[in-house]
Amino acid sequence: MQKSGNAGPAVNGNSRPVIINDRWCKGCDICVSFCPKNVLERPEGGKAQVARVEDCTRCGICEIMCPDLAIQVAPAGDRKKERSGTRGGSVDGK
């Protein structure tokens, strides 16, 4: 996971698989405890941060478990390319 505002190394085609909102994170350690791949860590007295971004599988457990809604897991791949224009219409208007 990455702190908000930082762009780290690319993971599965997306440079920011997980975003942590530093203002909302209270450093409770819940996300760190539940991450099955040990992607997150929290330095003593600090807030959650991404330690091993390349190990992130985007399972979303950290986002679900965060009581402060401070974590957002980006979907794999570029979702904008997968979606068509507006409400089912094609991008080119056809």
PDB file of N, CA and C in Angstrom:
ATOM      1  N   MET A   1       0.835  -1.173   0.000  1.00  0.00           N
ATOM      2  CA  MET A   1       0.000   0.000   0.000  1.00  0.00           C
ATOM      3  C   MET A   1       0.878   1.234   0.000  1.00  0.00           C
ATOM      4  N   GLN A   2       0.361   2.262  -0.584  1.00  0.00           N
ATOM      5  CA  GLN A   2       1.147   3.476  -0.655  1.00  0.00           C
ATOM      6  C   GLN A   2       0.408   4.604   0.022  1.00  0.00           C
ATOM      7  N   LYS A   3       1.173   5.548   0.515  1.00  0.00           N
ATOM      8  CA  LYS A   3       0.568   6.729   1.106  1.00  0.00           C
ATOM      9  C   LYS A   3      -0.048   7.568   0.013  1.00  0.00           C
ATOM     10  N   SER A   4      -1.102   8.281   0.359  1.00  0.00           N
ATOM     11  CA  SER A   4      -1.754   9.119  -0.646  1.00  0.00           C
ATOM     12  C   SER A   4      -0.770  10.140  -1.185  1.00  0.00           C
ATOM     13  N   GLY A   5      -0.821  10.343  -2.485  1.00  0.00           N
ATOM     14  CA  GLY A   5       0.045  11.319  -3.122  1.00  0.00           C
ATOM     15  C   GLY A   5       1.333  10.745  -3.670  1.00  0.00           C
ATOM     16  N   ASN A   6       1.688   9.523  -3.282  1.00  0.00           N
ATOM     17  CA  ASN A   6       2.928   8.925  -3.761  1.00  0.00           C
ATOM     18  C   ASN A   6       2.642   7.926  -4.855  1.00  0.00           C
ATOM     19  N   ALA A   7       3.415   7.953  -5.889  1.00  0.00           N
ATOM     20  CA  ALA A   7       3.287   6.955  -6.958  1.00  0.00           C
ATOM     21  C   ALA A   7       4.499   6.055  -6.879  1.00  0.00           C
ATOM     22  N   GLY A   8       4.277   4.771  -6.593  1.00  0.00           N
ATOM     23  CA  GLY A   8       5.370   3.830  -6.436  1.00  0.00           C
ATOM     24  C   GLY A   8       5.564   2.990  -7.665  1.00  0.00           C
ATOM     25  N   PRO A   9       6.254   1.872  -7.514  1.00  0.00           N
ATOM     26  CA  PRO A   9       6.515   0.995  -8.647  1.00  0.00           C
ATOM     27  C   PRO A   9       5.233   0.379  -9.184  1.00  0.00           C
ATOM     28  N   ALA A  10       5.264   0.033 -10.460  1.00  0.00           N
ATOM     29  CA  ALA A  10       4.074  -0.538 -11.098  1.00  0.00           C
ATOM     30  C   ALA A  10       3.815  -1.948 -10.584  1.00  0.00           C
ATOM     31  N   VAL A  11       2.543  -2.261 -10.368  1.00  0.00           N
ATOM     32  CA  VAL A  11       2.114  -3.585  -9.953  1.00  0.00           C
ATOM     33  C   VAL A  11       0.958  -3.973 -10.840  1.00  0.00           C
ATOM     34  N   ASN A  12       1.118  -5.040 -11.600  1.00  0.00           N
ATOM     35  CA  ASN A  12       0.058  -5.521 -12.493  1.00  0.00           C
ATOM     36  C   ASN A  12      -0.494  -4.418 -13.380  1.00  0.00           C
ATOM     37  N   GLY A  13       0.342  -3.544 -13.888  1.00  0.00           N
ATOM     38  CA  GLY A  13      -0.097  -2.512 -14.813  1.00  0.00           C
ATOM     39  C   GLY A  13      -0.639  -1.257 -14.150  1.00  0.00           C
ATOM     40  N   ASN A  14      -0.695  -1.213 -12.847  1.00  0.00           N
ATOM     41  CA  ASN A  14      -1.192  -0.033 -12.145  1.00  0.00           C
ATOM     42  C   ASN A  14      -0.131   0.384 -11.138  1.00  0.00           C
ATOM     43  N   SER A  15       0.293   1.641 -11.162  1.00  0.00           N
ATOM     44  CA  SER A  15       1.380   2.075 -10.301  1.00  0.00           C
ATOM     45  C   SER A  15       0.947   2.304  -8.862  1.00  0.00           C
ATOM     46  N   ARG A  16      -0.360   2.331  -8.586  1.00  0.00           N
ATOM     47  CA  ARG A  16      -0.825   2.560  -7.220  1.00  0.00           C
ATOM     48  C   ARG A  16      -1.896   1.532  -6.844  1.00  0.00           C
ATOM     49  N   PRO A  17      -1.491   0.317  -6.489  1.00  0.00           N
ATOM     50  CA  PRO A  17      -2.493  -0.697  -6.180  1.00  0.00           C
ATOM     51  C   PRO A  17      -3.264  -0.397  -4.905  1.00  0.00           C
ATOM     52  N   VAL A  18      -2.627   0.242  -3.948  1.00  0.00           N
ATOM     53  CA  VAL A  18      -3.275   0.533  -2.679  1.00  0.00           C
ATOM     54  C   VAL A  18      -2.908   1.941  -2.247  1.00  0.00           C
ATOM     55  N   ILE A  19      -3.892   2.665  -1.786  1.00  0.00           N
ATOM     56  CA  ILE A  19      -3.671   4.038  -1.341  1.00  0.00           C
ATOM     57  C   ILE A  19      -4.093   4.145   0.118  1.00  0.00           C
ATOM     58  N   ILE A  20      -3.245   4.720   0.949  1.00  0.00           N
ATOM     59  CA  ILE A  20      -3.551   4.951   2.354  1.00  0.00           C
ATOM     60  C   ILE A  20      -3.687   6.452   2.561  1.00  0.00           C
ATOM     61  N   ASN A  21      -4.826   6.868   3.071  1.00  0.00           N
ATOM     62  CA  ASN A  21      -5.066   8.275   3.378  1.00  0.00           C
ATOM     63  C   ASN A  21      -4.466   8.558   4.755  1.00  0.00           C
ATOM     64  N   ASP A  22      -3.336   9.244   4.766  1.00  0.00           N
ATOM     65  CA  ASP A  22      -2.625   9.520   6.013  1.00  0.00           C
ATOM     66  C   ASP A  22      -3.459  10.312   7.020  1.00  0.00           C
ATOM     67  N   ARG A  23      -4.327  11.155   6.527  1.00  0.00           N
ATOM     68  CA  ARG A  23      -5.151  11.963   7.435  1.00  0.00           C
ATOM     69  C   ARG A  23      -6.195  11.125   8.161  1.00  0.00           C
ATOM     70  N   TRP A  24      -6.640  10.048   7.528  1.00  0.00           N
ATOM     71  CA  TRP A  24      -7.678   9.212   8.145  1.00  0.00           C
ATOM     72  C   TRP A  24      -7.101   8.053   8.947  1.00  0.00           C
ATOM     73  N   CYS A  25      -5.916   7.597   8.586  1.00  0.00           N
ATOM     74  CA  CYS A  25      -5.292   6.465   9.277  1.00  0.00           C
ATOM     75  C   CYS A  25      -4.903   6.867  10.693  1.00  0.00           C
ATOM     76  N   LYS A  26      -5.330   6.038  11.665  1.00  0.00           N
ATOM     77  CA  LYS A  26      -4.973   6.318  13.056  1.00  0.00           C
ATOM     78  C   LYS A  26      -3.878   5.387  13.566  1.00  0.00           C
ATOM     79  N   GLY A  27      -3.388   4.509  12.689  1.00  0.00           N
ATOM     80  CA  GLY A  27      -2.298   3.618  13.067  1.00  0.00           C
ATOM     81  C   GLY A  27      -2.741   2.491  13.981  1.00  0.00           C
ATOM     82  N   CYS A  28      -3.935   1.943  13.758  1.00  0.00           N
ATOM     83  CA  CYS A  28      -4.478   0.909  14.641  1.00  0.00           C
ATOM     84  C   CYS A  28      -3.872  -0.472  14.396  1.00  0.00           C
ATOM     85  N   ASP A  29      -3.222  -0.681  13.242  1.00  0.00           N
ATOM     86  CA  ASP A  29      -2.551  -1.933  12.910  1.00  0.00           C
ATOM     87  C   ASP A  29      -3.479  -3.038  12.413  1.00  0.00           C
ATOM     88  N   ILE A  30      -4.761  -2.774  12.255  1.00  0.00           N
ATOM     89  CA  ILE A  30      -5.693  -3.806  11.812  1.00  0.00           C
ATOM     90  C   ILE A  30      -5.351  -4.267  10.400  1.00  0.00           C
ATOM     91  N   CYS A  31      -5.109  -3.337   9.489  1.00  0.00           N
ATOM     92  CA  CYS A  31      -4.780  -3.708   8.104  1.00  0.00           C
ATOM     93  C   CYS A  31      -3.499  -4.521   8.046  1.00  0.00           C
ATOM     94  N   VAL A  32      -2.530  -4.157   8.848  1.00  0.00           N
ATOM     95  CA  VAL A  32      -1.248  -4.867   8.890  1.00  0.00           C
ATOM     96  C   VAL A  32      -1.473  -6.304   9.359  1.00  0.00           C
ATOM     97  N   SER A  33      -2.310  -6.471  10.362  1.00  0.00           N
ATOM     98  CA  SER A  33      -2.584  -7.800  10.919  1.00  0.00           C
ATOM     99  C   SER A  33      -3.321  -8.712   9.950  1.00  0.00           C
ATOM    100  N   PHE A  34      -4.218  -8.157   9.153  1.00  0.00           N
ATOM    101  CA  PHE A  34      -5.044  -8.966   8.263  1.00  0.00           C
ATOM    102  C   PHE A  34      -4.456  -9.196   6.879  1.00  0.00           C
ATOM    103  N   CYS A  35      -3.461  -8.462   6.467  1.00  0.00           N
ATOM    104  CA  CYS A  35      -2.896  -8.632   5.125  1.00  0.00           C
ATOM    105  C   CYS A  35      -2.260 -10.017   4.996  1.00  0.00           C
ATOM    106  N   PRO A  36      -2.792 -10.860   4.086  1.00  0.00           N
ATOM    107  CA  PRO A  36      -2.274 -12.224   3.970  1.00  0.00           C
ATOM    108  C   PRO A  36      -0.873 -12.309   3.357  1.00  0.00           C
ATOM    109  N   LYS A  37      -0.419 -11.263   2.712  1.00  0.00           N
ATOM    110  CA  LYS A  37       0.895 -11.275   2.054  1.00  0.00           C
ATOM    111  C   LYS A  37       1.917 -10.382   2.759  1.00  0.00           C
ATOM    112  N   ASN A  38       1.552  -9.845   3.921  1.00  0.00           N
ATOM    113  CA  ASN A  38       2.454  -8.975   4.685  1.00  0.00           C
ATOM    114  C   ASN A  38       2.976  -7.805   3.862  1.00  0.00           C
ATOM    115  N   VAL A  39       2.098  -7.221   3.086  1.00  0.00           N
ATOM    116  CA  VAL A  39       2.451  -6.078   2.242  1.00  0.00           C
ATOM    117  C   VAL A  39       2.617  -4.824   3.093  1.00  0.00           C
ATOM    118  N   LEU A  40       1.837  -4.736   4.149  1.00  0.00           N
ATOM    119  CA  LEU A  40       1.823  -3.526   4.979  1.00  0.00           C
ATOM    120  C   LEU A  40       2.664  -3.684   6.228  1.00  0.00           C
ATOM    121  N   GLU A  41       3.113  -2.555   6.719  1.00  0.00           N
ATOM    122  CA  GLU A  41       3.769  -2.511   8.025  1.00  0.00           C
ATOM    123  C   GLU A  41       3.486  -1.158   8.659  1.00  0.00           C
ATOM    124  N   ARG A  42       3.669  -1.114   9.964  1.00  0.00           N
ATOM    125  CA  ARG A  42       3.476   0.145  10.675  1.00  0.00           C
ATOM    126  C   ARG A  42       4.659   0.332  11.606  1.00  0.00           C
ATOM    127  N   PRO A  43       5.467   1.345  11.340  1.00  0.00           N
ATOM    128  CA  PRO A  43       6.589   1.614  12.236  1.00  0.00           C
ATOM    129  C   PRO A  43       6.064   2.014  13.610  1.00  0.00           C
ATOM    130  N   GLU A  44       6.801   1.728  14.637  1.00  0.00           N
ATOM    131  CA  GLU A  44       6.366   2.039  16.001  1.00  0.00           C
ATOM    132  C   GLU A  44       5.983   3.510  16.115  1.00  0.00           C
ATOM    133  N   GLY A  45       4.769   3.729  16.562  1.00  0.00           N
ATOM    134  CA  GLY A  45       4.274   5.092  16.723  1.00  0.00           C
ATOM    135  C   GLY A  45       3.833   5.751  15.431  1.00  0.00           C
ATOM    136  N   GLY A  46       3.910   5.028  14.306  1.00  0.00           N
ATOM    137  CA  GLY A  46       3.567   5.607  13.014  1.00  0.00           C
ATOM    138  C   GLY A  46       2.247   5.092  12.465  1.00  0.00           C
ATOM    139  N   LYS A  47       2.049   5.329  11.201  1.00  0.00           N
ATOM    140  CA  LYS A  47       0.843   4.907  10.510  1.00  0.00           C
ATOM    141  C   LYS A  47       1.185   3.837   9.486  1.00  0.00           C
ATOM    142  N   ALA A  48       0.157   3.135   9.019  1.00  0.00           N
ATOM    143  CA  ALA A  48       0.354   2.049   8.058  1.00  0.00           C
ATOM    144  C   ALA A  48       1.036   2.566   6.796  1.00  0.00           C
ATOM    145  N   GLN A  49       1.877   1.719   6.235  1.00  0.00           N
ATOM    146  CA  GLN A  49       2.549   2.061   4.988  1.00  0.00           C
ATOM    147  C   GLN A  49       2.841   0.785   4.208  1.00  0.00           C
ATOM    148  N   VAL A  50       3.057   0.952   2.927  1.00  0.00           N
ATOM    149  CA  VAL A  50       3.377  -0.182   2.060  1.00  0.00           C
ATOM    150  C   VAL A  50       4.846  -0.529   2.242  1.00  0.00           C
ATOM    151  N   ALA A  51       5.103  -1.794   2.528  1.00  0.00           N
ATOM    152  CA  ALA A  51       6.481  -2.249   2.684  1.00  0.00           C
ATOM    153  C   ALA A  51       6.912  -3.114   1.509  1.00  0.00           C
ATOM    154  N   ARG A  52       5.974  -3.909   0.973  1.00  0.00           N
ATOM    155  CA  ARG A  52       6.291  -4.839  -0.111  1.00  0.00           C
ATOM    156  C   ARG A  52       5.198  -4.767  -1.178  1.00  0.00           C
ATOM    157  N   VAL A  53       5.158  -3.680  -1.920  1.00  0.00           N
ATOM    158  CA  VAL A  53       4.118  -3.442  -2.917  1.00  0.00           C
ATOM    159  C   VAL A  53       4.077  -4.539  -3.977  1.00  0.00           C
ATOM    160  N   GLU A  54       5.198  -5.110  -4.309  1.00  0.00           N
ATOM    161  CA  GLU A  54       5.242  -6.149  -5.342  1.00  0.00           C
ATOM    162  C   GLU A  54       4.530  -7.432  -4.906  1.00  0.00           C
ATOM    163  N   ASP A  55       4.287  -7.610  -3.615  1.00  0.00           N
ATOM    164  CA  ASP A  55       3.591  -8.793  -3.112  1.00  0.00           C
ATOM    165  C   ASP A  55       2.078  -8.615  -3.033  1.00  0.00           C
ATOM    166  N   CYS A  56       1.588  -7.412  -3.281  1.00  0.00           N
ATOM    167  CA  CYS A  56       0.156  -7.135  -3.162  1.00  0.00           C
ATOM    168  C   CYS A  56      -0.631  -7.887  -4.239  1.00  0.00           C
ATOM    169  N   THR A  57      -1.673  -8.612  -3.823  1.00  0.00           N
ATOM    170  CA  THR A  57      -2.526  -9.355  -4.748  1.00  0.00           C
ATOM    171  C   THR A  57      -3.860  -8.640  -4.977  1.00  0.00           C
ATOM    172  N   ARG A  58      -4.030  -7.477  -4.351  1.00  0.00           N
ATOM    173  CA  ARG A  58      -5.264  -6.685  -4.449  1.00  0.00           C
ATOM    174  C   ARG A  58      -6.486  -7.445  -3.941  1.00  0.00           C
ATOM    175  N   CYS A  59      -6.296  -8.224  -2.893  1.00  0.00           N
ATOM    176  CA  CYS A  59      -7.401  -9.000  -2.347  1.00  0.00           C
ATOM    177  C   CYS A  59      -8.448  -8.101  -1.695  1.00  0.00           C
ATOM    178  N   GLY A  60      -8.036  -6.929  -1.226  1.00  0.00           N
ATOM    179  CA  GLY A  60      -8.973  -5.963  -0.655  1.00  0.00           C
ATOM    180  C   GLY A  60      -9.267  -6.141   0.816  1.00  0.00           C
ATOM    181  N   ILE A  61      -8.638  -7.103   1.470  1.00  0.00           N
ATOM    182  CA  ILE A  61      -8.910  -7.329   2.890  1.00  0.00           C
ATOM    183  C   ILE A  61      -8.553  -6.099   3.717  1.00  0.00           C
ATOM    184  N   CYS A  62      -7.454  -5.447   3.408  1.00  0.00           N
ATOM    185  CA  CYS A  62      -7.054  -4.255   4.169  1.00  0.00           C
ATOM    186  C   CYS A  62      -8.116  -3.169   4.065  1.00  0.00           C
ATOM    187  N   GLU A  63      -8.647  -2.977   2.870  1.00  0.00           N
ATOM    188  CA  GLU A  63      -9.678  -1.956   2.649  1.00  0.00           C
ATOM    189  C   GLU A  63     -10.946  -2.293   3.425  1.00  0.00           C
ATOM    190  N   ILE A  64     -11.336  -3.554   3.403  1.00  0.00           N
ATOM    191  CA  ILE A  64     -12.551  -3.983   4.096  1.00  0.00           C
ATOM    192  C   ILE A  64     -12.401  -3.854   5.611  1.00  0.00           C
ATOM    193  N   MET A  65     -11.250  -4.199   6.134  1.00  0.00           N
ATOM    194  CA  MET A  65     -11.050  -4.231   7.583  1.00  0.00           C
ATOM    195  C   MET A  65     -10.747  -2.872   8.204  1.00  0.00           C
ATOM    196  N   CYS A  66     -10.345  -1.900   7.416  1.00  0.00           N
ATOM    197  CA  CYS A  66      -9.979  -0.590   7.964  1.00  0.00           C
ATOM    198  C   CYS A  66     -11.202   0.099   8.574  1.00  0.00           C
ATOM    199  N   PRO A  67     -11.209   0.334   9.885  1.00  0.00           N
ATOM    200  CA  PRO A  67     -12.359   0.960  10.535  1.00  0.00           C
ATOM    201  C   PRO A  67     -12.520   2.438  10.190  1.00  0.00           C
ATOM    202  N   ASP A  68     -11.476   3.047   9.663  1.00  0.00           N
ATOM    203  CA  ASP A  68     -11.505   4.475   9.344  1.00  0.00           C
ATOM    204  C   ASP A  68     -11.654   4.751   7.858  1.00  0.00           C
ATOM    205  N   LEU A  69     -11.827   3.699   7.050  1.00  0.00           N
ATOM    206  CA  LEU A  69     -11.970   3.839   5.596  1.00  0.00           C
ATOM    207  C   LEU A  69     -10.799   4.602   4.985  1.00  0.00           C
ATOM    208  N   ALA A  70      -9.616   4.377   5.543  1.00  0.00           N
ATOM    209  CA  ALA A  70      -8.418   5.094   5.113  1.00  0.00           C
ATOM    210  C   ALA A  70      -7.681   4.399   3.982  1.00  0.00           C
ATOM    211  N   ILE A  71      -8.158   3.216   3.570  1.00  0.00           N
ATOM    212  CA  ILE A  71      -7.458   2.435   2.550  1.00  0.00           C
ATOM    213  C   ILE A  71      -8.352   2.224   1.341  1.00  0.00           C
ATOM    214  N   GLN A  72      -7.752   2.391   0.171  1.00  0.00           N
ATOM    215  CA  GLN A  72      -8.453   2.126  -1.084  1.00  0.00           C
ATOM    216  C   GLN A  72      -7.572   1.214  -1.925  1.00  0.00           C
ATOM    217  N   VAL A  73      -8.143   0.097  -2.378  1.00  0.00           N
ATOM    218  CA  VAL A  73      -7.422  -0.839  -3.243  1.00  0.00           C
ATOM    219  C   VAL A  73      -7.910  -0.620  -4.667  1.00  0.00           C
ATOM    220  N   ALA A  74      -6.987  -0.289  -5.554  1.00  0.00           N
ATOM    221  CA  ALA A  74      -7.340  -0.061  -6.954  1.00  0.00           C
ATOM    222  C   ALA A  74      -7.568  -1.395  -7.646  1.00  0.00           C
ATOM    223  N   PRO A  75      -8.542  -1.459  -8.549  1.00  0.00           N
ATOM    224  CA  PRO A  75      -8.765  -2.709  -9.287  1.00  0.00           C
ATOM    225  C   PRO A  75      -7.582  -3.017 -10.200  1.00  0.00           C
ATOM    226  N   ALA A  76      -7.377  -4.280 -10.479  1.00  0.00           N
ATOM    227  CA  ALA A  76      -6.286  -4.686 -11.372  1.00  0.00           C
ATOM    228  C   ALA A  76      -6.558  -4.198 -12.788  1.00  0.00           C
ATOM    229  N   GLY A  77      -5.526  -3.778 -13.489  1.00  0.00           N
ATOM    230  CA  GLY A  77      -5.675  -3.305 -14.864  1.00  0.00           C
ATOM    231  C   GLY A  77      -6.246  -1.909 -14.928  1.00  0.00           C
ATOM    232  N   ASP A  78      -6.400  -1.403 -16.118  1.00  0.00           N
ATOM    233  CA  ASP A  78      -6.925  -0.065 -16.328  1.00  0.00           C
ATOM    234  C   ASP A  78      -8.421  -0.157 -16.566  1.00  0.00           C
ATOM    235  N   ARG A  79      -9.220   0.153 -15.549  1.00  0.00           N
ATOM    236  CA  ARG A  79     -10.663   0.038 -15.639  1.00  0.00           C
ATOM    237  C   ARG A  79     -11.247   0.990 -16.678  1.00  0.00           C
ATOM    238  N   LYS A  80     -10.615   2.105 -16.932  1.00  0.00           N
ATOM    239  CA  LYS A  80     -11.135   3.060 -17.904  1.00  0.00           C
ATOM    240  C   LYS A  80     -11.189   2.443 -19.302  1.00  0.00           C
ATOM    241  N   LYS A  81     -10.202   1.615 -19.626  1.00  0.00           N
ATOM    242  CA  LYS A  81     -10.167   0.980 -20.941  1.00  0.00           C
ATOM    243  C   LYS A  81     -11.252  -0.088 -21.060  1.00  0.00           C
ATOM    244  N   GLU A  82     -11.627  -0.705 -19.917  1.00  0.00           N
ATOM    245  CA  GLU A  82     -12.624  -1.766 -19.941  1.00  0.00           C
ATOM    246  C   GLU A  82     -14.036  -1.216 -20.065  1.00  0.00           C
ATOM    247  N   ARG A  83     -14.268  -0.016 -19.630  1.00  0.00           N
ATOM    248  CA  ARG A  83     -15.600   0.574 -19.658  1.00  0.00           C
ATOM    249  C   ARG A  83     -15.876   1.235 -20.991  1.00  0.00           C
ATOM    250  N   SER A  84     -17.112   1.209 -21.388  1.00  0.00           N
ATOM    251  CA  SER A  84     -17.488   1.950 -22.589  1.00  0.00           C
ATOM    252  C   SER A  84     -17.843   3.369 -22.172  1.00  0.00           C
ATOM    253  N   GLY A  85     -18.197   4.207 -23.109  1.00  0.00           N
ATOM    254  CA  GLY A  85     -18.471   5.622 -22.850  1.00  0.00           C
ATOM    255  C   GLY A  85     -19.447   5.906 -21.723  1.00  0.00           C
ATOM    256  N   THR A  86     -20.670   6.283 -22.035  1.00  0.00           N
ATOM    257  CA  THR A  86     -21.627   6.645 -21.007  1.00  0.00           C
ATOM    258  C   THR A  86     -22.753   5.628 -20.938  1.00  0.00           C
ATOM    259  N   ARG A  87     -22.944   5.051 -19.812  1.00  0.00           N
ATOM    260  CA  ARG A  87     -24.040   4.128 -19.541  1.00  0.00           C
ATOM    261  C   ARG A  87     -24.310   3.127 -20.653  1.00  0.00           C
ATOM    262  N   GLY A  88     -23.294   2.409 -21.029  1.00  0.00           N
ATOM    263  CA  GLY A  88     -23.461   1.348 -22.002  1.00  0.00           C
ATOM    264  C   GLY A  88     -23.207   1.766 -23.441  1.00  0.00           C
ATOM    265  N   GLY A  89     -23.085   3.054 -23.709  1.00  0.00           N
ATOM    266  CA  GLY A  89     -22.793   3.501 -25.063  1.00  0.00           C
ATOM    267  C   GLY A  89     -21.331   3.318 -25.367  1.00  0.00           C
ATOM    268  N   SER A  90     -20.998   3.294 -26.623  1.00  0.00           N
ATOM    269  CA  SER A  90     -19.589   3.146 -26.984  1.00  0.00           C
ATOM    270  C   SER A  90     -18.884   4.482 -26.857  1.00  0.00           C
ATOM    271  N   VAL A  91     -17.592   4.421 -26.757  1.00  0.00           N
ATOM    272  CA  VAL A  91     -16.779   5.620 -26.592  1.00  0.00           C
ATOM    273  C   VAL A  91     -16.877   6.532 -27.803  1.00  0.00           C
ATOM    274  N   ASP A  92     -16.980   5.950 -28.993  1.00  0.00           N
ATOM    275  CA  ASP A  92     -17.000   6.766 -30.207  1.00  0.00           C
ATOM    276  C   ASP A  92     -18.414   7.206 -30.609  1.00  0.00           C
ATOM    277  N   GLY A  93     -19.436   6.864 -29.773  1.00  0.00           N
ATOM    278  CA  GLY A  93     -20.799   7.335 -30.029  1.00  0.00           C
ATOM    279  C   GLY A  93     -21.601   6.474 -30.979  1.00  0.00           C
ATOM    280  N   LYS A  94     -21.060   5.328 -31.414  1.00  0.00           N
ATOM    281  CA  LYS A  94     -21.779   4.450 -32.346  1.00  0.00           C
ATOM    282  C   LYS A  94     -22.670   3.481 -31.600  1.00  0.00           C
TER     283      LYS A  94
END
